[in-house]
Protein backbone atom coordinates (compact mmCIF):
# COMPACT_ATOMS: atom_id res chain seq x y z
CA MET A 1 73.89 57.66 229.15
CA ASN A 2 73.91 61.02 227.36
CA VAL A 3 73.34 62.81 230.66
CA ILE A 4 76.09 60.81 232.37
CA LEU A 5 78.56 61.45 229.54
CA CYS A 6 77.79 65.18 229.58
CA LEU A 7 78.43 65.34 233.33
CA ALA A 8 81.64 63.34 232.88
CA ALA A 9 82.86 65.68 230.11
CA ILE A 10 82.40 68.68 232.40
CA VAL A 11 84.53 67.04 235.10
CA ILE A 12 87.29 66.21 232.60
CA LYS A 13 87.38 69.79 231.29
CA GLU A 14 87.52 71.10 234.85
CA LEU A 15 90.49 68.93 235.76
CA TYR A 16 92.60 70.02 232.79
CA ARG A 17 91.78 73.68 233.39
CA ARG A 18 93.28 73.43 236.86
CA LYS A 19 97.00 73.18 237.60
CA ASP A 20 96.98 70.08 239.82
CA PHE A 21 97.85 67.58 237.09
CA TYR A 22 100.50 69.77 235.43
CA VAL A 23 102.29 70.52 238.71
CA LEU A 24 102.36 66.87 239.77
CA PHE A 25 103.52 65.70 236.35
CA VAL A 26 106.34 68.25 236.22
CA ILE A 27 107.48 67.29 239.74
CA THR A 28 107.44 63.59 238.81
CA ALA A 29 109.31 64.21 235.56
CA VAL A 30 111.97 66.44 237.12
CA ILE A 31 112.70 64.11 240.04
CA THR A 32 112.80 61.03 237.78
CA LEU A 33 115.08 62.65 235.20
CA MET A 34 117.40 63.94 237.92
CA MET A 35 117.63 60.47 239.46
CA GLY A 36 118.16 58.92 236.04
CA SER A 37 121.00 61.26 235.21
CA VAL A 38 123.00 60.39 238.33
CA SER A 39 125.38 57.44 238.37
CA PHE A 40 125.88 55.89 241.80
CA PHE A 41 129.22 54.08 241.90
CA HIS A 42 128.72 53.16 238.23
CA GLU A 43 126.02 50.66 239.28
CA ALA A 44 124.24 49.27 236.23
CA ASN A 45 121.11 48.27 238.19
CA ILE A 46 120.44 51.85 239.25
CA VAL A 47 117.66 51.86 236.64
CA ARG A 48 115.58 49.73 239.02
CA TYR A 49 115.79 52.40 241.69
CA VAL A 50 114.82 55.05 239.16
CA LYS A 51 111.82 52.99 238.05
CA ASP A 52 110.78 52.38 241.65
CA ILE A 53 110.93 56.09 242.49
CA CYS A 54 109.07 57.04 239.33
CA LEU A 55 106.28 54.53 240.04
CA LEU A 56 106.03 55.70 243.65
CA LEU A 57 105.61 59.29 242.45
CA ILE A 58 103.03 58.19 239.87
CA TRP A 59 100.99 56.42 242.56
CA ILE A 60 101.16 59.40 244.92
CA SER A 61 100.26 61.85 242.14
CA SER A 62 97.35 59.73 240.90
CA LEU A 63 95.93 59.39 244.42
CA VAL A 64 96.17 63.14 245.00
CA ILE A 65 94.47 63.88 241.67
CA ALA A 66 91.72 61.30 242.27
CA ILE A 67 90.90 62.32 245.84
CA VAL A 68 91.19 66.10 245.47
CA THR A 69 89.26 66.19 242.19
CA THR A 70 86.44 64.00 243.49
CA ALA A 71 86.18 65.62 246.92
CA ARG A 72 85.28 69.01 245.48
CA GLN A 73 82.73 67.92 242.85
CA ILE A 74 79.36 67.97 244.62
CA PRO A 75 80.34 70.56 247.29
CA ALA A 76 81.44 72.91 244.49
CA GLU A 77 78.11 72.39 242.73
CA ARG A 78 76.26 73.26 245.94
CA GLU A 79 78.43 76.28 246.68
CA SER A 80 77.95 77.73 243.20
CA ARG A 81 74.25 76.69 243.31
CA THR A 82 74.50 74.98 239.94
CA ILE A 83 73.21 71.76 241.52
CA PHE A 84 69.67 73.20 241.72
CA PRO A 85 69.09 73.95 238.01
CA LEU A 86 70.86 70.67 237.23
CA LEU A 87 68.41 68.64 239.33
CA ALA A 88 65.50 70.76 238.08
CA LYS A 89 66.12 69.28 234.64
CA PRO A 90 65.26 65.64 233.95
CA VAL A 91 68.44 64.54 235.74
CA THR A 92 68.21 62.15 238.68
CA ARG A 93 70.52 62.14 241.66
CA GLY A 94 71.73 58.72 240.65
CA GLN A 95 72.81 60.10 237.27
CA VAL A 96 74.68 62.91 239.03
CA VAL A 97 76.56 60.39 241.20
CA VAL A 98 77.43 58.12 238.26
CA GLY A 99 78.30 61.08 236.01
CA LYS A 100 80.64 62.61 238.59
CA PHE A 101 82.28 59.22 239.17
CA ALA A 102 82.70 58.57 235.44
CA GLY A 103 84.17 62.02 234.86
CA CYS A 104 86.70 61.72 237.70
CA TRP A 105 87.64 58.17 236.70
CA LEU A 106 88.10 59.02 233.02
CA ALA A 107 90.08 62.16 233.90
CA CYS A 108 92.38 60.13 236.13
CA GLY A 109 92.72 57.58 233.34
CA LEU A 110 93.88 60.26 230.92
CA ALA A 111 96.36 61.52 233.51
CA LEU A 112 97.63 57.96 234.05
CA VAL A 113 98.16 57.55 230.30
CA VAL A 114 100.50 60.55 230.34
CA PHE A 115 102.32 59.32 233.46
CA TYR A 116 102.81 55.78 232.13
CA LEU A 117 103.91 57.02 228.71
CA PHE A 118 106.59 59.09 230.42
CA PHE A 119 107.54 56.14 232.61
CA GLY A 120 107.75 53.85 229.59
CA LEU A 121 109.97 56.28 227.69
CA VAL A 122 112.34 56.62 230.64
CA SER A 123 112.49 52.84 231.13
CA ALA A 124 113.00 52.15 227.43
CA ALA A 125 115.77 54.74 227.24
CA LYS A 126 117.57 53.11 230.18
CA GLU A 127 116.94 49.42 229.44
CA GLY A 128 116.53 49.35 225.67
CA HIS A 129 113.25 47.43 225.70
CA LEU A 130 109.60 48.01 226.63
CA PRO A 131 107.49 45.07 227.96
CA LEU A 132 104.18 46.38 226.65
CA GLY A 133 102.03 43.63 228.17
CA GLN A 134 103.32 44.27 231.68
CA TYR A 135 102.75 48.00 231.29
CA LEU A 136 99.18 47.50 230.08
CA GLN A 137 98.36 45.23 233.02
CA ALA A 138 99.94 47.60 235.52
CA PHE A 139 98.12 50.56 234.00
CA TRP A 140 94.74 48.80 234.00
CA LEU A 141 94.94 47.55 237.60
CA HIS A 142 96.21 50.94 238.74
CA TRP A 143 93.28 52.65 237.02
CA ALA A 144 90.84 50.09 238.47
CA THR A 145 92.26 50.75 241.94
CA LEU A 146 91.58 54.45 241.47
CA ALA A 147 87.92 53.59 240.79
CA VAL A 148 87.62 52.41 244.40
CA VAL A 149 89.41 55.52 245.72
CA ILE A 150 87.21 57.84 243.63
CA SER A 151 83.97 56.17 244.71
CA MET A 152 85.14 56.36 248.33
CA ALA A 153 85.90 60.08 248.00
CA LEU A 154 82.55 60.67 246.28
CA LEU A 155 80.75 59.07 249.22
CA GLY A 156 82.83 61.18 251.59
CA SER A 157 81.86 64.37 249.74
CA LEU A 158 78.24 63.66 250.66
CA VAL A 159 79.01 62.78 254.28
CA PHE A 160 81.58 65.38 255.30
CA SER A 161 80.82 69.09 255.13
CA ALA A 162 84.14 70.42 253.81
CA PRO A 163 86.11 69.10 250.79
CA SER A 164 89.36 69.57 252.71
CA ALA A 165 88.14 67.33 255.54
CA ASN A 166 86.94 64.72 253.09
CA ALA A 167 90.23 64.74 251.16
CA THR A 168 92.25 64.45 254.37
CA ILE A 169 90.17 61.57 255.73
CA CYS A 170 90.17 59.70 252.40
CA PHE A 171 93.90 60.11 251.89
CA THR A 172 94.56 58.98 255.48
CA ALA A 173 92.30 55.94 255.01
CA VAL A 174 93.99 54.95 251.74
CA VAL A 175 97.50 55.32 253.19
CA ALA A 176 96.44 53.31 256.26
CA ILE A 177 95.16 50.53 253.99
CA PHE A 178 98.43 50.54 252.04
CA ILE A 179 100.50 50.33 255.23
CA LEU A 180 98.37 48.26 257.63
CA GLY A 181 95.72 46.56 255.50
CA GLY A 182 97.69 43.40 254.91
CA TYR A 183 98.69 42.99 258.57
CA LEU A 184 95.36 43.39 260.38
CA HIS A 185 94.77 39.63 260.61
CA LYS A 186 98.26 39.18 262.06
CA LEU A 187 97.66 41.96 264.60
CA ALA A 188 94.38 40.32 265.53
CA ALA A 189 96.21 37.19 266.67
CA LEU A 190 98.04 39.25 269.32
CA GLN A 191 94.98 41.05 270.72
CA PRO A 192 92.25 40.18 273.24
CA PRO A 193 89.22 38.33 271.77
CA LEU A 194 86.93 41.34 271.27
CA ILE A 195 89.60 43.53 269.65
CA ALA A 196 90.78 40.55 267.59
CA LEU A 197 87.24 40.03 266.28
CA LEU A 198 86.94 43.70 265.32
CA LEU A 199 90.30 43.64 263.54
CA LEU A 200 89.34 40.49 261.63
CA LEU A 201 86.03 42.04 260.57
CA LEU A 202 87.89 45.15 259.44
CA TYR A 203 90.39 42.99 257.55
CA PHE A 204 87.65 41.25 255.58
CA LEU A 205 85.57 44.40 254.99
CA ILE A 206 88.13 46.89 253.70
CA PRO A 207 89.26 46.95 250.05
CA HIS A 208 92.82 45.63 250.02
CA LEU A 209 94.34 48.24 247.75
CA GLU A 210 97.83 47.32 248.94
CA TRP A 211 97.68 44.14 246.83
CA PHE A 212 97.62 46.24 243.68
CA TYR A 213 100.23 48.75 244.84
CA THR A 214 102.76 45.92 245.21
CA LEU A 215 102.25 45.05 241.52
CA ARG A 216 104.64 47.88 240.72
CA GLU A 217 107.44 45.51 241.76
CA ARG A 218 106.65 43.42 238.67
CA LEU A 219 107.56 46.41 236.51
CA VAL A 220 110.62 47.30 238.54
CA PHE A 221 112.11 43.78 238.37
CA ASP A 222 110.72 42.84 234.92
CA HIS A 223 108.65 39.93 236.20
CA SER A 224 106.39 38.00 233.85
CA LEU A 225 102.74 38.81 233.27
CA ILE A 226 100.14 37.66 235.76
CA GLY A 227 97.46 35.41 234.33
CA TRP A 228 94.70 37.24 232.49
CA ASP A 229 92.11 35.24 234.44
CA ASP A 230 93.69 36.55 237.66
CA CYS A 231 93.64 40.05 236.20
CA LEU A 232 89.93 39.64 235.44
CA LEU A 233 89.19 38.44 238.98
CA ALA A 234 91.15 41.37 240.42
CA THR A 235 89.14 43.76 238.24
CA ALA A 236 85.88 42.19 239.44
CA TYR A 237 87.06 42.53 243.05
CA LEU A 238 87.76 46.25 242.62
CA ALA A 239 84.56 46.81 240.63
CA ALA A 240 82.50 45.28 243.45
CA TYR A 241 83.95 47.70 246.01
CA ALA A 242 83.54 50.69 243.69
CA ALA A 243 79.90 49.72 243.06
CA ALA A 244 79.28 49.34 246.80
CA PHE A 245 80.67 52.81 247.54
CA LEU A 246 78.68 54.33 244.66
CA PHE A 247 75.48 52.66 245.87
CA ALA A 248 76.11 54.04 249.37
CA ALA A 249 76.74 57.49 247.87
CA TRP A 250 73.44 57.29 245.97
CA LEU A 251 71.57 56.29 249.14
CA VAL A 252 73.05 59.23 251.05
CA PHE A 253 72.48 61.70 248.21
CA ARG A 254 68.84 60.76 247.59
CA ARG A 255 68.07 61.39 251.29
CA LYS A 256 70.14 64.56 251.51
CA THR A 257 68.23 67.83 251.70
CA LEU A 258 69.61 70.56 249.43
CA THR A 259 68.78 74.04 250.65
CA THR A 260 69.06 77.14 248.48
């Protein structure tokens, strides 16, 4: 655990030395505050549109941070040749994979804390109240969703040669899941048998991240909390996919030849 925590701390320090998080946070804050300062036809419910836009920007920013940060971890180590003295020490490849994942996930969690604090302040200023339980559930399931995205990008960094290609493919896959993931079984009903079977297999194999993205509507419309048992099951569902991607990444990494 000491090795994993040390690797995670390095990743966290690297993220906050770069400008990605600061640029995305400033863009989110500026756009949200500009929208919040405008009054459209004196409509009182405009705060819902502001909250929806702010949450959309938070999701986009968190996905960009998670994918870009993770995609460059192991390739950067190989390019700078720091991976060789690291593995020469009593550090296994499995510890490297888990340490990189933990660092990226914790770094994204810290970024999400800042984003959700800003979102909560804006919402409280507009509505006069802050449903803390709803915010904690939304934050936790959002962070758990990023665990799947990070583990997917970590696997991609060991499969694809360039971080840019990995980031592009991962971001495209995640957006495709958000847009089409929930409709694959419906599309299958309209296709020939072989294509329908493939679409159904894909529907049951992919992580349905779109289920958790739609939870933002509960914050926008001030819906009640979901059951904590449902929240626990959702966390277990996401944890299973993250573990599967990490296990695949370990299998690929342990068979990968590192040349000096």
